[in-house]
Amino acid sequence: MIYLIVKFKTKKLEKILSNDRLLQKEFGKLSVNIKRRMSEFLAAPNLSYITHKPPPRRHKLSGYPNRFAVDISKNFRIEFESTSEKLLDPIDIVEIIIVKIGDYH
């Protein structure tokens, strides 16, 4: 089975998300939910496997042609993009780039 390919916008973000100690240091209690969402990404064959219902609540971000987000907490999100601007249907998206983790409100 082929799984979702997860890449990172920066080396720093990749390092933080790949190291439990750094993740805990950077995000504190949120690190548990971040790890949960990352596990969901890595276990999904395509983006349609990440549900649009809570708790992940995958949703498209307006103002960006190919950017989505999933919830970590009430205010924090993992923002990511499809690697192809042509592929916007979640079932077609098999590769994403994690752009940032934060509060975009």
PDB file of N, CA and C in Angstrom:
ATOM      1  N   MET A   1       0.840  -1.184   0.000  1.00  0.00           N
ATOM      2  CA  MET A   1       0.000   0.000   0.000  1.00  0.00           C
ATOM      3  C   MET A   1       0.886   1.249   0.000  1.00  0.00           C
ATOM      4  N   ILE A   2       0.491   2.233  -0.765  1.00  0.00           N
ATOM      5  CA  ILE A   2       1.221   3.495  -0.838  1.00  0.00           C
ATOM      6  C   ILE A   2       0.604   4.468   0.163  1.00  0.00           C
ATOM      7  N   TYR A   3       1.455   5.166   0.885  1.00  0.00           N
ATOM      8  CA  TYR A   3       0.984   6.115   1.892  1.00  0.00           C
ATOM      9  C   TYR A   3       1.279   7.545   1.467  1.00  0.00           C
ATOM     10  N   LEU A   4       0.576   8.461   2.098  1.00  0.00           N
ATOM     11  CA  LEU A   4       0.750   9.888   1.865  1.00  0.00           C
ATOM     12  C   LEU A   4       2.215  10.270   2.083  1.00  0.00           C
ATOM     13  N   ILE A   5       2.795  10.987   1.155  1.00  0.00           N
ATOM     14  CA  ILE A   5       4.174  11.451   1.282  1.00  0.00           C
ATOM     15  C   ILE A   5       4.134  12.808   1.972  1.00  0.00           C
ATOM     16  N   VAL A   6       4.859  12.915   3.077  1.00  0.00           N
ATOM     17  CA  VAL A   6       4.856  14.149   3.868  1.00  0.00           C
ATOM     18  C   VAL A   6       6.239  14.786   3.790  1.00  0.00           C
ATOM     19  N   LYS A   7       6.275  16.019   3.289  1.00  0.00           N
ATOM     20  CA  LYS A   7       7.509  16.802   3.218  1.00  0.00           C
ATOM     21  C   LYS A   7       7.341  18.040   4.095  1.00  0.00           C
ATOM     22  N   PHE A   8       8.415  18.801   4.247  1.00  0.00           N
ATOM     23  CA  PHE A   8       8.396  19.968   5.130  1.00  0.00           C
ATOM     24  C   PHE A   8       8.937  21.190   4.406  1.00  0.00           C
ATOM     25  N   LYS A   9       8.361  22.347   4.695  1.00  0.00           N
ATOM     26  CA  LYS A   9       8.784  23.584   4.035  1.00  0.00           C
ATOM     27  C   LYS A   9      10.198  23.978   4.456  1.00  0.00           C
ATOM     28  N   THR A  10      10.535  23.741   5.738  1.00  0.00           N
ATOM     29  CA  THR A  10      11.871  24.096   6.222  1.00  0.00           C
ATOM     30  C   THR A  10      12.522  22.911   6.933  1.00  0.00           C
ATOM     31  N   LYS A  11      13.835  22.911   6.967  1.00  0.00           N
ATOM     32  CA  LYS A  11      14.581  21.882   7.694  1.00  0.00           C
ATOM     33  C   LYS A  11      14.297  21.983   9.198  1.00  0.00           C
ATOM     34  N   LYS A  12      14.131  23.205   9.685  1.00  0.00           N
ATOM     35  CA  LYS A  12      13.846  23.409  11.107  1.00  0.00           C
ATOM     36  C   LYS A  12      12.523  22.747  11.494  1.00  0.00           C
ATOM     37  N   LEU A  13      11.496  22.939  10.686  1.00  0.00           N
ATOM     38  CA  LEU A  13      10.200  22.330  10.950  1.00  0.00           C
ATOM     39  C   LEU A  13      10.293  20.805  10.897  1.00  0.00           C
ATOM     40  N   GLU A  14      11.031  20.286   9.932  1.00  0.00           N
ATOM     41  CA  GLU A  14      11.226  18.840   9.828  1.00  0.00           C
ATOM     42  C   GLU A  14      11.931  18.298  11.069  1.00  0.00           C
ATOM     43  N   LYS A  15      12.944  19.015  11.532  1.00  0.00           N
ATOM     44  CA  LYS A  15      13.700  18.589  12.709  1.00  0.00           C
ATOM     45  C   LYS A  15      12.815  18.561  13.948  1.00  0.00           C
ATOM     46  N   ILE A  16      12.005  19.601  14.138  1.00  0.00           N
ATOM     47  CA  ILE A  16      11.120  19.673  15.304  1.00  0.00           C
ATOM     48  C   ILE A  16      10.088  18.545  15.266  1.00  0.00           C
ATOM     49  N   LEU A  17       9.478  18.330  14.101  1.00  0.00           N
ATOM     50  CA  LEU A  17       8.425  17.317  13.996  1.00  0.00           C
ATOM     51  C   LEU A  17       8.963  15.894  13.983  1.00  0.00           C
ATOM     52  N   SER A  18      10.263  15.733  13.839  1.00  0.00           N
ATOM     53  CA  SER A  18      10.874  14.406  13.837  1.00  0.00           C
ATOM     54  C   SER A  18      11.520  14.045  15.162  1.00  0.00           C
ATOM     55  N   ASN A  19      11.481  14.940  16.127  1.00  0.00           N
ATOM     56  CA  ASN A  19      12.160  14.721  17.397  1.00  0.00           C
ATOM     57  C   ASN A  19      11.193  15.027  18.543  1.00  0.00           C
ATOM     58  N   ASP A  20      10.828  13.995  19.310  1.00  0.00           N
ATOM     59  CA  ASP A  20       9.852  14.173  20.394  1.00  0.00           C
ATOM     60  C   ASP A  20      10.279  15.224  21.407  1.00  0.00           C
ATOM     61  N   ARG A  21      11.550  15.256  21.739  1.00  0.00           N
ATOM     62  CA  ARG A  21      12.042  16.218  22.733  1.00  0.00           C
ATOM     63  C   ARG A  21      11.902  17.652  22.223  1.00  0.00           C
ATOM     64  N   LEU A  22      12.304  17.881  20.979  1.00  0.00           N
ATOM     65  CA  LEU A  22      12.176  19.221  20.401  1.00  0.00           C
ATOM     66  C   LEU A  22      10.707  19.620  20.228  1.00  0.00           C
ATOM     67  N   LEU A  23       9.877  18.661  19.859  1.00  0.00           N
ATOM     68  CA  LEU A  23       8.446  18.916  19.700  1.00  0.00           C
ATOM     69  C   LEU A  23       7.832  19.343  21.031  1.00  0.00           C
ATOM     70  N   GLN A  24       8.166  18.628  22.090  1.00  0.00           N
ATOM     71  CA  GLN A  24       7.670  18.959  23.434  1.00  0.00           C
ATOM     72  C   GLN A  24       8.176  20.334  23.868  1.00  0.00           C
ATOM     73  N   LYS A  25       9.433  20.616  23.605  1.00  0.00           N
ATOM     74  CA  LYS A  25      10.020  21.900  23.988  1.00  0.00           C
ATOM     75  C   LYS A  25       9.346  23.062  23.249  1.00  0.00           C
ATOM     76  N   GLU A  26       9.064  22.877  21.965  1.00  0.00           N
ATOM     77  CA  GLU A  26       8.497  23.935  21.130  1.00  0.00           C
ATOM     78  C   GLU A  26       6.998  24.146  21.372  1.00  0.00           C
ATOM     79  N   PHE A  27       6.243  23.037  21.582  1.00  0.00           N
ATOM     80  CA  PHE A  27       4.783  23.138  21.621  1.00  0.00           C
ATOM     81  C   PHE A  27       4.127  22.683  22.919  1.00  0.00           C
ATOM     82  N   GLY A  28       4.906  22.188  23.865  1.00  0.00           N
ATOM     83  CA  GLY A  28       4.345  21.810  25.168  1.00  0.00           C
ATOM     84  C   GLY A  28       3.242  20.777  25.046  1.00  0.00           C
ATOM     85  N   LYS A  29       2.101  21.043  25.694  1.00  0.00           N
ATOM     86  CA  LYS A  29       0.981  20.097  25.711  1.00  0.00           C
ATOM     87  C   LYS A  29       0.402  19.831  24.326  1.00  0.00           C
ATOM     88  N   LEU A  30       0.565  20.761  23.424  1.00  0.00           N
ATOM     89  CA  LEU A  30       0.059  20.569  22.062  1.00  0.00           C
ATOM     90  C   LEU A  30       0.804  19.468  21.310  1.00  0.00           C
ATOM     91  N   SER A  31       1.985  19.115  21.793  1.00  0.00           N
ATOM     92  CA  SER A  31       2.803  18.124  21.089  1.00  0.00           C
ATOM     93  C   SER A  31       2.089  16.778  20.950  1.00  0.00           C
ATOM     94  N   VAL A  32       1.251  16.415  21.912  1.00  0.00           N
ATOM     95  CA  VAL A  32       0.520  15.146  21.839  1.00  0.00           C
ATOM     96  C   VAL A  32      -0.407  15.131  20.626  1.00  0.00           C
ATOM     97  N   ASN A  33      -1.163  16.207  20.443  1.00  0.00           N
ATOM     98  CA  ASN A  33      -2.077  16.272  19.301  1.00  0.00           C
ATOM     99  C   ASN A  33      -1.331  16.446  17.975  1.00  0.00           C
ATOM    100  N   ILE A  34      -0.208  17.125  18.001  1.00  0.00           N
ATOM    101  CA  ILE A  34       0.601  17.260  16.782  1.00  0.00           C
ATOM    102  C   ILE A  34       1.093  15.883  16.344  1.00  0.00           C
ATOM    103  N   LYS A  35       1.603  15.094  17.293  1.00  0.00           N
ATOM    104  CA  LYS A  35       2.065  13.742  16.972  1.00  0.00           C
ATOM    105  C   LYS A  35       0.916  12.887  16.440  1.00  0.00           C
ATOM    106  N   ARG A  36      -0.268  13.061  17.014  1.00  0.00           N
ATOM    107  CA  ARG A  36      -1.437  12.309  16.565  1.00  0.00           C
ATOM    108  C   ARG A  36      -1.765  12.657  15.100  1.00  0.00           C
ATOM    109  N   ARG A  37      -1.781  13.933  14.777  1.00  0.00           N
ATOM    110  CA  ARG A  37      -2.088  14.354  13.396  1.00  0.00           C
ATOM    111  C   ARG A  37      -1.011  13.867  12.426  1.00  0.00           C
ATOM    112  N   MET A  38       0.254  13.943  12.839  1.00  0.00           N
ATOM    113  CA  MET A  38       1.337  13.470  11.975  1.00  0.00           C
ATOM    114  C   MET A  38       1.203  11.966  11.729  1.00  0.00           C
ATOM    115  N   SER A  39       0.827  11.211  12.749  1.00  0.00           N
ATOM    116  CA  SER A  39       0.607   9.768  12.589  1.00  0.00           C
ATOM    117  C   SER A  39      -0.529   9.494  11.617  1.00  0.00           C
ATOM    118  N   GLU A  40      -1.582  10.312  11.703  1.00  0.00           N
ATOM    119  CA  GLU A  40      -2.706  10.163  10.776  1.00  0.00           C
ATOM    120  C   GLU A  40      -2.257  10.415   9.336  1.00  0.00           C
ATOM    121  N   PHE A  41      -1.433  11.450   9.133  1.00  0.00           N
ATOM    122  CA  PHE A  41      -0.906  11.720   7.796  1.00  0.00           C
ATOM    123  C   PHE A  41      -0.114  10.525   7.276  1.00  0.00           C
ATOM    124  N   LEU A  42       0.767  10.007   8.102  1.00  0.00           N
ATOM    125  CA  LEU A  42       1.667   8.936   7.670  1.00  0.00           C
ATOM    126  C   LEU A  42       0.955   7.605   7.441  1.00  0.00           C
ATOM    127  N   ALA A  43      -0.249   7.435   8.010  1.00  0.00           N
ATOM    128  CA  ALA A  43      -1.011   6.195   7.845  1.00  0.00           C
ATOM    129  C   ALA A  43      -2.033   6.277   6.709  1.00  0.00           C
ATOM    130  N   ALA A  44      -2.230   7.453   6.143  1.00  0.00           N
ATOM    131  CA  ALA A  44      -3.259   7.650   5.116  1.00  0.00           C
ATOM    132  C   ALA A  44      -2.703   7.421   3.711  1.00  0.00           C
ATOM    133  N   PRO A  45      -3.428   6.696   2.865  1.00  0.00           N
ATOM    134  CA  PRO A  45      -3.007   6.525   1.477  1.00  0.00           C
ATOM    135  C   PRO A  45      -3.142   7.809   0.656  1.00  0.00           C
ATOM    136  N   ASN A  46      -4.116   8.638   1.011  1.00  0.00           N
ATOM    137  CA  ASN A  46      -4.296   9.938   0.356  1.00  0.00           C
ATOM    138  C   ASN A  46      -5.012  10.870   1.334  1.00  0.00           C
ATOM    139  N   LEU A  47      -5.146  12.110   0.972  1.00  0.00           N
ATOM    140  CA  LEU A  47      -5.687  13.110   1.896  1.00  0.00           C
ATOM    141  C   LEU A  47      -7.147  12.875   2.256  1.00  0.00           C
ATOM    142  N   SER A  48      -7.888  12.159   1.440  1.00  0.00           N
ATOM    143  CA  SER A  48      -9.299  11.908   1.749  1.00  0.00           C
ATOM    144  C   SER A  48      -9.469  11.059   3.011  1.00  0.00           C
ATOM    145  N   TYR A  49      -8.422  10.362   3.425  1.00  0.00           N
ATOM    146  CA  TYR A  49      -8.486   9.558   4.648  1.00  0.00           C
ATOM    147  C   TYR A  49      -8.417  10.416   5.909  1.00  0.00           C
ATOM    148  N   ILE A  50      -8.025  11.665   5.779  1.00  0.00           N
ATOM    149  CA  ILE A  50      -8.034  12.602   6.907  1.00  0.00           C
ATOM    150  C   ILE A  50      -9.411  13.264   6.881  1.00  0.00           C
ATOM    151  N   THR A  51     -10.225  12.952   7.851  1.00  0.00           N
ATOM    152  CA  THR A  51     -11.619  13.373   7.833  1.00  0.00           C
ATOM    153  C   THR A  51     -11.805  14.883   7.968  1.00  0.00           C
ATOM    154  N   HIS A  52     -12.888  15.351   7.382  1.00  0.00           N
ATOM    155  CA  HIS A  52     -13.245  16.765   7.505  1.00  0.00           C
ATOM    156  C   HIS A  52     -14.038  17.009   8.793  1.00  0.00           C
ATOM    157  N   LYS A  53     -14.322  15.939   9.530  1.00  0.00           N
ATOM    158  CA  LYS A  53     -15.045  16.054  10.804  1.00  0.00           C
ATOM    159  C   LYS A  53     -14.043  16.160  11.947  1.00  0.00           C
ATOM    160  N   PRO A  54     -14.443  16.788  13.056  1.00  0.00           N
ATOM    161  CA  PRO A  54     -13.523  16.862  14.212  1.00  0.00           C
ATOM    162  C   PRO A  54     -13.220  15.473  14.740  1.00  0.00           C
ATOM    163  N   PRO A  55     -12.058  15.238  15.330  1.00  0.00           N
ATOM    164  CA  PRO A  55     -11.064  16.219  15.729  1.00  0.00           C
ATOM    165  C   PRO A  55     -10.105  16.700  14.646  1.00  0.00           C
ATOM    166  N   PRO A  56      -9.734  15.913  13.608  1.00  0.00           N
ATOM    167  CA  PRO A  56      -8.768  16.538  12.690  1.00  0.00           C
ATOM    168  C   PRO A  56      -9.356  17.716  11.922  1.00  0.00           C
ATOM    169  N   ARG A  57     -10.595  17.586  11.480  1.00  0.00           N
ATOM    170  CA  ARG A  57     -11.297  18.655  10.761  1.00  0.00           C
ATOM    171  C   ARG A  57     -10.446  19.240   9.633  1.00  0.00           C
ATOM    172  N   ARG A  58     -10.122  18.399   8.670  1.00  0.00           N
ATOM    173  CA  ARG A  58      -9.381  18.877   7.489  1.00  0.00           C
ATOM    174  C   ARG A  58     -10.237  19.908   6.766  1.00  0.00           C
ATOM    175  N   HIS A  59      -9.639  21.043   6.437  1.00  0.00           N
ATOM    176  CA  HIS A  59     -10.384  22.076   5.725  1.00  0.00           C
ATOM    177  C   HIS A  59      -9.460  22.868   4.810  1.00  0.00           C
ATOM    178  N   LYS A  60     -10.050  23.365   3.740  1.00  0.00           N
ATOM    179  CA  LYS A  60      -9.331  24.182   2.754  1.00  0.00           C
ATOM    180  C   LYS A  60      -9.236  25.595   3.295  1.00  0.00           C
ATOM    181  N   LEU A  61      -8.098  26.242   3.103  1.00  0.00           N
ATOM    182  CA  LEU A  61      -7.924  27.624   3.541  1.00  0.00           C
ATOM    183  C   LEU A  61      -8.220  28.564   2.387  1.00  0.00           C
ATOM    184  N   SER A  62      -9.076  29.523   2.636  1.00  0.00           N
ATOM    185  CA  SER A  62      -9.396  30.483   1.580  1.00  0.00           C
ATOM    186  C   SER A  62      -8.224  31.441   1.388  1.00  0.00           C
ATOM    187  N   GLY A  63      -8.073  31.910   0.184  1.00  0.00           N
ATOM    188  CA  GLY A  63      -6.991  32.839  -0.127  1.00  0.00           C
ATOM    189  C   GLY A  63      -5.711  32.159  -0.576  1.00  0.00           C
ATOM    190  N   TYR A  64      -5.665  30.836  -0.495  1.00  0.00           N
ATOM    191  CA  TYR A  64      -4.496  30.071  -0.941  1.00  0.00           C
ATOM    192  C   TYR A  64      -4.996  29.016  -1.924  1.00  0.00           C
ATOM    193  N   PRO A  65      -4.357  28.884  -3.070  1.00  0.00           N
ATOM    194  CA  PRO A  65      -4.882  27.964  -4.082  1.00  0.00           C
ATOM    195  C   PRO A  65      -4.835  26.489  -3.692  1.00  0.00           C
ATOM    196  N   ASN A  66      -3.863  26.076  -2.915  1.00  0.00           N
ATOM    197  CA  ASN A  66      -3.730  24.646  -2.615  1.00  0.00           C
ATOM    198  C   ASN A  66      -3.377  24.373  -1.152  1.00  0.00           C
ATOM    199  N   ARG A  67      -3.840  25.217  -0.232  1.00  0.00           N
ATOM    200  CA  ARG A  67      -3.482  25.054   1.180  1.00  0.00           C
ATOM    201  C   ARG A  67      -4.671  24.550   1.994  1.00  0.00           C
ATOM    202  N   PHE A  68      -4.351  23.624   2.891  1.00  0.00           N
ATOM    203  CA  PHE A  68      -5.322  23.022   3.796  1.00  0.00           C
ATOM    204  C   PHE A  68      -4.802  23.152   5.220  1.00  0.00           C
ATOM    205  N   ALA A  69      -5.650  22.775   6.188  1.00  0.00           N
ATOM    206  CA  ALA A  69      -5.228  22.749   7.586  1.00  0.00           C
ATOM    207  C   ALA A  69      -5.995  21.654   8.314  1.00  0.00           C
ATOM    208  N   VAL A  70      -5.402  21.172   9.406  1.00  0.00           N
ATOM    209  CA  VAL A  70      -6.085  20.285  10.345  1.00  0.00           C
ATOM    210  C   VAL A  70      -5.917  20.875  11.737  1.00  0.00           C
ATOM    211  N   ASP A  71      -6.898  20.627  12.583  1.00  0.00           N
ATOM    212  CA  ASP A  71      -6.883  21.177  13.934  1.00  0.00           C
ATOM    213  C   ASP A  71      -5.926  20.419  14.846  1.00  0.00           C
ATOM    214  N   ILE A  72      -5.270  21.194  15.701  1.00  0.00           N
ATOM    215  CA  ILE A  72      -4.480  20.629  16.793  1.00  0.00           C
ATOM    216  C   ILE A  72      -5.207  20.910  18.105  1.00  0.00           C
ATOM    217  N   SER A  73      -5.712  22.126  18.221  1.00  0.00           N
ATOM    218  CA  SER A  73      -6.498  22.563  19.380  1.00  0.00           C
ATOM    219  C   SER A  73      -7.531  23.555  18.863  1.00  0.00           C
ATOM    220  N   LYS A  74      -8.176  24.233  19.780  1.00  0.00           N
ATOM    221  CA  LYS A  74      -9.204  25.202  19.382  1.00  0.00           C
ATOM    222  C   LYS A  74      -8.641  26.270  18.436  1.00  0.00           C
ATOM    223  N   ASN A  75      -7.423  26.727  18.684  1.00  0.00           N
ATOM    224  CA  ASN A  75      -6.841  27.807  17.883  1.00  0.00           C
ATOM    225  C   ASN A  75      -5.679  27.386  16.990  1.00  0.00           C
ATOM    226  N   PHE A  76      -4.997  26.302  17.311  1.00  0.00           N
ATOM    227  CA  PHE A  76      -3.796  25.924  16.574  1.00  0.00           C
ATOM    228  C   PHE A  76      -4.106  24.920  15.471  1.00  0.00           C
ATOM    229  N   ARG A  77      -3.374  25.061  14.344  1.00  0.00           N
ATOM    230  CA  ARG A  77      -3.561  24.220  13.171  1.00  0.00           C
ATOM    231  C   ARG A  77      -2.210  23.807  12.588  1.00  0.00           C
ATOM    232  N   ILE A  78      -2.223  22.687  11.909  1.00  0.00           N
ATOM    233  CA  ILE A  78      -1.112  22.325  11.036  1.00  0.00           C
ATOM    234  C   ILE A  78      -1.551  22.743   9.641  1.00  0.00           C
ATOM    235  N   GLU A  79      -0.807  23.649   9.035  1.00  0.00           N
ATOM    236  CA  GLU A  79      -1.107  24.089   7.671  1.00  0.00           C
ATOM    237  C   GLU A  79      -0.218  23.317   6.712  1.00  0.00           C
ATOM    238  N   PHE A  80      -0.800  22.862   5.612  1.00  0.00           N
ATOM    239  CA  PHE A  80      -0.046  22.107   4.622  1.00  0.00           C
ATOM    240  C   PHE A  80      -0.601  22.377   3.245  1.00  0.00           C
ATOM    241  N   GLU A  81       0.213  22.068   2.246  1.00  0.00           N
ATOM    242  CA  GLU A  81      -0.162  22.298   0.846  1.00  0.00           C
ATOM    243  C   GLU A  81      -0.028  21.013   0.052  1.00  0.00           C
ATOM    244  N   SER A  82      -0.848  20.913  -0.963  1.00  0.00           N
ATOM    245  CA  SER A  82      -0.675  19.862  -1.957  1.00  0.00           C
ATOM    246  C   SER A  82       0.556  20.247  -2.767  1.00  0.00           C
ATOM    247  N   THR A  83       1.320  19.274  -3.190  1.00  0.00           N
ATOM    248  CA  THR A  83       2.507  19.594  -3.989  1.00  0.00           C
ATOM    249  C   THR A  83       2.142  19.984  -5.412  1.00  0.00           C
ATOM    250  N   SER A  84       0.903  19.756  -5.787  1.00  0.00           N
ATOM    251  CA  SER A  84       0.449  20.131  -7.124  1.00  0.00           C
ATOM    252  C   SER A  84      -0.759  21.047  -7.021  1.00  0.00           C
ATOM    253  N   GLU A  85      -0.684  22.201  -7.648  1.00  0.00           N
ATOM    254  CA  GLU A  85      -1.816  23.132  -7.639  1.00  0.00           C
ATOM    255  C   GLU A  85      -2.991  22.589  -8.440  1.00  0.00           C
ATOM    256  N   LYS A  86      -2.753  21.622  -9.305  1.00  0.00           N
ATOM    257  CA  LYS A  86      -3.816  21.042 -10.109  1.00  0.00           C
ATOM    258  C   LYS A  86      -4.647  20.040  -9.320  1.00  0.00           C
ATOM    259  N   LEU A  87      -4.058  19.446  -8.294  1.00  0.00           N
ATOM    260  CA  LEU A  87      -4.754  18.434  -7.512  1.00  0.00           C
ATOM    261  C   LEU A  87      -5.351  19.058  -6.260  1.00  0.00           C
ATOM    262  N   LEU A  88      -6.647  19.299  -6.283  1.00  0.00           N
ATOM    263  CA  LEU A  88      -7.307  19.896  -5.125  1.00  0.00           C
ATOM    264  C   LEU A  88      -8.359  18.978  -4.521  1.00  0.00           C
ATOM    265  N   ASP A  89      -8.687  17.885  -5.192  1.00  0.00           N
ATOM    266  CA  ASP A  89      -9.605  16.911  -4.631  1.00  0.00           C
ATOM    267  C   ASP A  89      -8.795  16.028  -3.667  1.00  0.00           C
ATOM    268  N   PRO A  90      -9.208  15.943  -2.396  1.00  0.00           N
ATOM    269  CA  PRO A  90      -8.423  15.183  -1.400  1.00  0.00           C
ATOM    270  C   PRO A  90      -8.073  13.758  -1.814  1.00  0.00           C
ATOM    271  N   ILE A  91      -8.926  13.105  -2.573  1.00  0.00           N
ATOM    272  CA  ILE A  91      -8.619  11.727  -2.970  1.00  0.00           C
ATOM    273  C   ILE A  91      -7.435  11.658  -3.931  1.00  0.00           C
ATOM    274  N   ASP A  92      -7.163  12.742  -4.655  1.00  0.00           N
ATOM    275  CA  ASP A  92      -6.054  12.783  -5.603  1.00  0.00           C
ATOM    276  C   ASP A  92      -4.730  13.219  -4.970  1.00  0.00           C
ATOM    277  N   ILE A  93      -4.779  13.764  -3.775  1.00  0.00           N
ATOM    278  CA  ILE A  93      -3.576  14.307  -3.130  1.00  0.00           C
ATOM    279  C   ILE A  93      -2.853  13.191  -2.381  1.00  0.00           C
ATOM    280  N   VAL A  94      -1.648  12.865  -2.848  1.00  0.00           N
ATOM    281  CA  VAL A  94      -0.850  11.806  -2.229  1.00  0.00           C
ATOM    282  C   VAL A  94       0.489  12.333  -1.717  1.00  0.00           C
ATOM    283  N   GLU A  95       0.712  13.633  -1.862  1.00  0.00           N
ATOM    284  CA  GLU A  95       1.949  14.254  -1.376  1.00  0.00           C
ATOM    285  C   GLU A  95       1.631  15.652  -0.857  1.00  0.00           C
ATOM    286  N   ILE A  96       2.087  15.924   0.381  1.00  0.00           N
ATOM    287  CA  ILE A  96       1.843  17.234   0.984  1.00  0.00           C
ATOM    288  C   ILE A  96       3.141  17.818   1.534  1.00  0.00           C
ATOM    289  N   ILE A  97       3.118  19.129   1.722  1.00  0.00           N
ATOM    290  CA  ILE A  97       4.232  19.837   2.353  1.00  0.00           C
ATOM    291  C   ILE A  97       3.679  20.544   3.592  1.00  0.00           C
ATOM    292  N   ILE A  98       4.217  20.205   4.758  1.00  0.00           N
ATOM    293  CA  ILE A  98       3.822  20.885   5.988  1.00  0.00           C
ATOM    294  C   ILE A  98       4.441  22.280   5.934  1.00  0.00           C
ATOM    295  N   VAL A  99       3.614  23.313   5.999  1.00  0.00           N
ATOM    296  CA  VAL A  99       4.067  24.680   5.849  1.00  0.00           C
ATOM    297  C   VAL A  99       4.361  25.307   7.208  1.00  0.00           C
ATOM    298  N   LYS A 100       3.416  25.176   8.149  1.00  0.00           N
ATOM    299  CA  LYS A 100       3.642  25.739   9.488  1.00  0.00           C
ATOM    300  C   LYS A 100       2.638  25.183  10.473  1.00  0.00           C
ATOM    301  N   ILE A 101       2.957  25.401  11.734  1.00  0.00           N
ATOM    302  CA  ILE A 101       2.069  25.047  12.832  1.00  0.00           C
ATOM    303  C   ILE A 101       1.859  26.306  13.633  1.00  0.00           C
ATOM    304  N   GLY A 102       0.610  26.684  13.807  1.00  0.00           N
ATOM    305  CA  GLY A 102       0.360  27.898  14.569  1.00  0.00           C
ATOM    306  C   GLY A 102      -1.095  28.298  14.572  1.00  0.00           C
ATOM    307  N   ASP A 103      -1.328  29.501  15.062  1.00  0.00           N
ATOM    308  CA  ASP A 103      -2.653  30.082  15.164  1.00  0.00           C
ATOM    309  C   ASP A 103      -2.788  31.115  14.052  1.00  0.00           C
ATOM    310  N   TYR A 104      -3.624  30.846  13.061  1.00  0.00           N
ATOM    311  CA  TYR A 104      -3.753  31.793  11.962  1.00  0.00           C
ATOM    312  C   TYR A 104      -4.950  32.721  12.132  1.00  0.00           C
ATOM    313  N   HIS A 105      -5.566  32.732  13.286  1.00  0.00           N
ATOM    314  CA  HIS A 105      -6.705  33.630  13.535  1.00  0.00           C
ATOM    315  C   HIS A 105      -6.238  34.992  13.993  1.00  0.00           C
TER     316      HIS A 105
END
